[in-house]
Amino acid sequence: MGMNVGSDSTTEDEGIVDINTTPLIDVMLVLLIMLIITIPLQTQSVAIDLPQGNPPPSTEEVPVVTLVVDFDNTITWNGQPVNSEDELQAHLREIASAQPRPEFHIQPNRLADYKTVVHVMADAQRLGVTQMGIVGQEQFVDQ
């Protein structure tokens, strides 16, 4: 830090162009203290006994139900056309109550309306279908 004692100019209106670094140093020291305080909190760990090895493979085979929404918004259930909303909901109720619960795969076409696909998914969720997945997503990747 310096001080202007005497200058060659005769005018007293010149401003001091030095940067006051005291507030910057104060902020840096506060941040350094905060960092030192929080480091021990981040190094604490929780001991968890995790299982060792691979789990055994499932012995029962889960059935898969595939619903296809085509480019013209027609719906097919395992290859059979679905003609009405009531028929679709009956199929969804059937798989929601089946034991073991089948996996429900929705396969929308790239050109299908978003509204139709979301409607089918909302109906499935509302009627209790829990294992639902969207398949055929590779068609949505731009080449």
Protein backbone atom coordinates (compact mmCIF):
# COMPACT_ATOMS: atom_id res chain seq x y z
CA MET A 1 0.00 0.00 0.00
CA GLY A 2 1.33 3.33 -0.92
CA MET A 3 0.61 6.94 -0.44
CA ASN A 4 1.04 9.89 -2.77
CA VAL A 5 3.17 12.39 -0.91
CA GLY A 6 4.23 14.84 -3.49
CA SER A 7 3.55 14.97 -7.17
CA ASP A 8 4.70 16.98 -10.08
CA SER A 9 1.23 18.25 -10.91
CA THR A 10 -0.09 21.38 -9.35
CA THR A 11 -3.78 20.43 -9.43
CA GLU A 12 -5.39 18.83 -6.41
CA ASP A 13 -8.36 17.32 -8.32
CA GLU A 14 -6.57 14.14 -9.35
CA GLY A 15 -8.16 10.96 -8.02
CA ILE A 16 -6.33 8.03 -6.55
CA VAL A 17 -6.21 5.22 -9.10
CA ASP A 18 -4.96 2.48 -6.74
CA ILE A 19 -7.36 -0.42 -6.04
CA ASN A 20 -8.29 -0.89 -2.41
CA THR A 21 -7.52 -4.58 -1.87
CA THR A 22 -8.45 -4.73 1.80
CA PRO A 23 -12.09 -5.85 1.19
CA LEU A 24 -10.90 -8.47 -1.31
CA ILE A 25 -8.47 -9.90 1.22
CA ASP A 26 -11.19 -9.92 3.90
CA VAL A 27 -13.55 -11.87 1.65
CA MET A 28 -10.79 -14.32 0.73
CA LEU A 29 -10.00 -14.97 4.40
CA VAL A 30 -13.68 -15.56 5.23
CA LEU A 31 -13.98 -18.04 2.34
CA LEU A 32 -10.80 -19.80 3.45
CA ILE A 33 -12.12 -20.15 7.01
CA MET A 34 -15.45 -21.49 5.72
CA LEU A 35 -13.60 -24.03 3.57
CA ILE A 36 -11.50 -25.18 6.52
CA ILE A 37 -14.61 -25.58 8.68
CA THR A 38 -16.61 -27.59 6.10
CA ILE A 39 -13.87 -30.02 5.03
CA PRO A 40 -14.17 -32.31 8.10
CA LEU A 41 -17.93 -32.60 7.57
CA GLN A 42 -17.42 -33.91 4.04
CA THR A 43 -15.00 -36.65 5.06
CA GLN A 44 -17.37 -38.37 7.49
CA SER A 45 -18.61 -41.73 6.29
CA VAL A 46 -21.40 -44.12 7.15
CA ALA A 47 -20.65 -47.81 7.52
CA ILE A 48 -23.05 -49.98 5.52
CA ASP A 49 -22.94 -53.75 5.23
CA LEU A 50 -23.58 -54.40 1.54
CA PRO A 51 -24.26 -57.89 0.22
CA GLN A 52 -21.36 -59.59 -1.49
CA GLY A 53 -21.52 -61.35 -4.84
CA ASN A 54 -24.18 -61.49 -7.51
CA PRO A 55 -27.82 -62.12 -6.66
CA PRO A 56 -29.25 -65.39 -7.93
CA PRO A 57 -31.12 -65.14 -11.22
CA SER A 58 -34.89 -65.07 -11.11
CA THR A 59 -36.43 -68.51 -11.48
CA GLU A 60 -39.79 -67.38 -12.79
CA GLU A 61 -40.17 -65.83 -16.20
CA VAL A 62 -42.21 -62.64 -16.27
CA PRO A 63 -44.66 -62.40 -19.17
CA VAL A 64 -44.34 -59.38 -21.45
CA VAL A 65 -47.27 -57.49 -22.97
CA THR A 66 -46.43 -55.18 -25.88
CA LEU A 67 -48.63 -52.29 -26.94
CA VAL A 68 -47.70 -50.62 -30.23
CA VAL A 69 -48.86 -47.12 -31.17
CA ASP A 70 -48.47 -46.91 -34.94
CA PHE A 71 -47.80 -43.82 -37.08
CA ASP A 72 -51.55 -43.33 -37.72
CA ASN A 73 -52.27 -43.63 -33.95
CA THR A 74 -53.74 -47.12 -34.22
CA ILE A 75 -53.09 -49.25 -31.17
CA THR A 76 -52.24 -52.95 -31.25
CA TRP A 77 -52.09 -55.20 -28.18
CA ASN A 78 -49.66 -58.10 -28.69
CA GLY A 79 -50.29 -57.87 -32.44
CA GLN A 80 -54.10 -57.66 -32.17
CA PRO A 81 -55.76 -54.32 -33.02
CA VAL A 82 -57.51 -52.43 -30.22
CA ASN A 83 -60.70 -50.91 -31.59
CA SER A 84 -62.04 -48.91 -28.65
CA GLU A 85 -61.07 -47.14 -25.46
CA ASP A 86 -63.08 -49.65 -23.41
CA GLU A 87 -61.18 -52.57 -24.92
CA LEU A 88 -57.85 -50.90 -24.10
CA GLN A 89 -58.91 -50.28 -20.51
CA ALA A 90 -60.12 -53.88 -20.16
CA HIS A 91 -56.68 -55.12 -21.30
CA LEU A 92 -54.96 -52.76 -18.85
CA ARG A 93 -57.18 -53.88 -15.95
CA GLU A 94 -56.41 -57.48 -16.85
CA ILE A 95 -52.63 -57.05 -16.59
CA ALA A 96 -52.95 -54.87 -13.46
CA SER A 97 -54.72 -57.70 -11.63
CA ALA A 98 -52.73 -60.63 -13.09
CA GLN A 99 -50.32 -62.63 -10.96
CA PRO A 100 -47.42 -62.54 -11.65
CA ARG A 101 -47.72 -59.04 -13.03
CA PRO A 102 -46.51 -58.88 -16.61
CA GLU A 103 -44.17 -56.21 -17.89
CA PHE A 104 -46.04 -53.65 -19.99
CA HIS A 105 -43.97 -52.44 -22.95
CA ILE A 106 -45.15 -49.45 -24.96
CA GLN A 107 -43.62 -49.16 -28.41
CA PRO A 108 -44.57 -45.81 -29.98
CA ASN A 109 -43.82 -45.06 -33.58
CA ARG A 110 -41.74 -41.97 -34.25
CA LEU A 111 -44.64 -40.38 -36.15
CA ALA A 112 -47.33 -41.22 -33.56
CA ASP A 113 -49.02 -38.33 -31.76
CA TYR A 114 -47.59 -37.55 -28.37
CA LYS A 115 -51.12 -37.13 -27.04
CA THR A 116 -52.02 -40.75 -27.89
CA VAL A 117 -48.93 -42.22 -26.24
CA VAL A 118 -49.35 -40.15 -23.09
CA HIS A 119 -53.05 -41.06 -22.95
CA VAL A 120 -52.20 -44.77 -23.01
CA MET A 121 -49.53 -44.30 -20.31
CA ALA A 122 -51.90 -42.28 -18.11
CA ASP A 123 -54.62 -44.92 -18.46
CA ALA A 124 -52.14 -47.65 -17.54
CA GLN A 125 -50.97 -45.77 -14.47
CA ARG A 126 -54.51 -44.91 -13.38
CA LEU A 127 -55.63 -48.55 -13.69
CA GLY A 128 -52.73 -49.87 -11.60
CA VAL A 129 -50.07 -51.03 -14.06
CA THR A 130 -46.78 -50.74 -12.20
CA GLN A 131 -44.14 -52.33 -14.45
CA MET A 132 -44.20 -50.15 -17.55
CA GLY A 133 -41.44 -49.38 -20.04
CA ILE A 134 -40.97 -47.65 -23.37
CA VAL A 135 -39.14 -49.73 -25.98
CA GLY A 136 -37.85 -48.92 -29.45
CA GLN A 137 -36.22 -45.64 -28.52
CA GLU A 138 -33.42 -46.07 -31.04
CA GLN A 139 -35.76 -44.74 -33.75
CA PHE A 140 -35.77 -41.34 -32.02
CA VAL A 141 -32.01 -40.84 -32.29
CA ASP A 142 -31.14 -38.41 -35.07
CA GLN A 143 -28.76 -39.93 -37.54
